[in-house]
Amino acid sequence: MITDYDCWHPDHESVTGAQIMATLQQNAENAQKVLREAIKSMPAARECKCGSALAHALITDAKLVPKSTRKNLSAIIGKYIS
C-alpha cells in the first residue's frame, strides 16, 4: 500500500509528511478490513491438508527451540511443538 506516490513518480507533485501519515493511517484501516474479510470467508473446517502443513515441516528439535520463541510463535506452531 503506497504512502508516498511522489517518491518514484517524477511528474507527481510533492506531498507533505501529514499527507503521508494520513495515507498510512488509511492503509492500516484498509489492511484491517482485508484481514477481517479474509478471515470471515475462511471455512470453519478445511478439507485440504493446508491446515496441518506445519505438522511435518518443522525439522528443528523441539528441545532446541527457546521458550521465548515457543511463546512468540505459539499461535502458529503451538500445536506442533511442545
Protein backbone atom coordinates (compact mmCIF):
# COMPACT_ATOMS: atom_id res chain seq x y z
CA MET A 1 0.00 0.00 0.00
CA ILE A 2 1.65 3.14 -1.24
CA THR A 3 2.07 6.05 1.17
CA ASP A 4 4.19 8.43 -0.87
CA TYR A 5 3.35 8.31 -4.58
CA ASP A 6 5.75 11.12 -5.50
CA CYS A 7 8.78 9.24 -4.19
CA TRP A 8 9.16 7.45 -7.53
CA HIS A 9 6.97 9.38 -9.96
CA PRO A 10 8.83 12.37 -11.48
CA ASP A 11 5.67 14.11 -12.74
CA HIS A 12 3.71 13.96 -9.48
CA GLU A 13 3.59 16.86 -7.04
CA SER A 14 5.41 16.52 -3.72
CA VAL A 15 3.38 15.53 -0.70
CA THR A 16 3.68 16.57 2.92
CA GLY A 17 4.50 14.41 5.91
CA ALA A 18 0.94 14.92 7.13
CA GLN A 19 -0.43 13.58 3.84
CA ILE A 20 1.84 10.55 4.08
CA MET A 21 0.73 9.88 7.66
CA ALA A 22 -2.95 10.21 6.69
CA THR A 23 -2.45 7.78 3.82
CA LEU A 24 -0.55 5.40 6.11
CA GLN A 25 -3.44 5.50 8.60
CA GLN A 26 -5.96 4.81 5.82
CA ASN A 27 -3.78 1.95 4.56
CA ALA A 28 -3.72 0.43 8.06
CA GLU A 29 -7.52 0.60 8.19
CA ASN A 30 -7.74 -0.93 4.71
CA ALA A 31 -5.39 -3.75 5.71
CA GLN A 32 -7.55 -4.49 8.75
CA LYS A 33 -10.65 -4.62 6.54
CA VAL A 34 -8.92 -7.01 4.15
CA LEU A 35 -7.93 -9.29 7.03
CA ARG A 36 -11.43 -9.22 8.55
CA GLU A 37 -12.99 -10.18 5.23
CA ALA A 38 -10.39 -12.88 4.57
CA ILE A 39 -10.98 -14.40 7.99
CA LYS A 40 -14.76 -14.26 7.58
CA SER A 41 -14.52 -16.06 4.25
CA MET A 42 -12.40 -18.89 5.62
CA PRO A 43 -14.36 -22.10 6.12
CA ALA A 44 -14.77 -23.36 9.68
CA ALA A 45 -13.45 -26.75 8.66
CA ARG A 46 -10.99 -27.47 5.88
CA GLU A 47 -10.95 -30.49 3.67
CA CYS A 48 -7.48 -29.74 2.34
CA LYS A 49 -4.19 -30.61 4.03
CA CYS A 50 -3.12 -26.96 4.26
CA GLY A 51 -4.42 -26.71 7.82
CA SER A 52 -1.77 -29.13 9.01
CA ALA A 53 1.05 -28.18 6.65
CA LEU A 54 3.41 -27.41 9.53
CA ALA A 55 2.95 -30.84 11.12
CA HIS A 56 5.86 -32.25 9.12
CA ALA A 57 7.58 -29.01 8.10
CA LEU A 58 9.30 -28.20 11.38
CA ILE A 59 12.62 -30.00 11.45
CA THR A 60 14.28 -28.28 14.41
CA ASP A 61 14.39 -30.47 17.50
CA ALA A 62 11.71 -29.05 19.83
CA LYS A 63 14.19 -29.18 22.74
CA LEU A 64 16.39 -26.63 20.93
CA VAL A 65 13.67 -24.02 20.47
CA PRO A 66 13.93 -21.34 23.18
CA LYS A 67 10.94 -20.93 25.48
CA SER A 68 10.51 -17.29 24.38
CA THR A 69 10.37 -18.36 20.72
CA ARG A 70 7.77 -21.00 21.50
CA LYS A 71 5.69 -18.38 23.28
CA ASN A 72 6.05 -15.82 20.48
CA LEU A 73 5.11 -18.37 17.81
CA SER A 74 2.52 -20.30 19.82
CA ALA A 75 -0.39 -19.15 17.66
CA ILE A 76 1.36 -20.59 14.61
CA ILE A 77 3.32 -23.62 15.83
CA GLY A 78 1.85 -24.22 19.28
CA LYS A 79 0.07 -27.43 18.42
CA TYR A 80 3.16 -28.86 16.73
CA ILE A 81 5.83 -28.06 19.30
CA SER A 82 5.59 -28.74 22.99
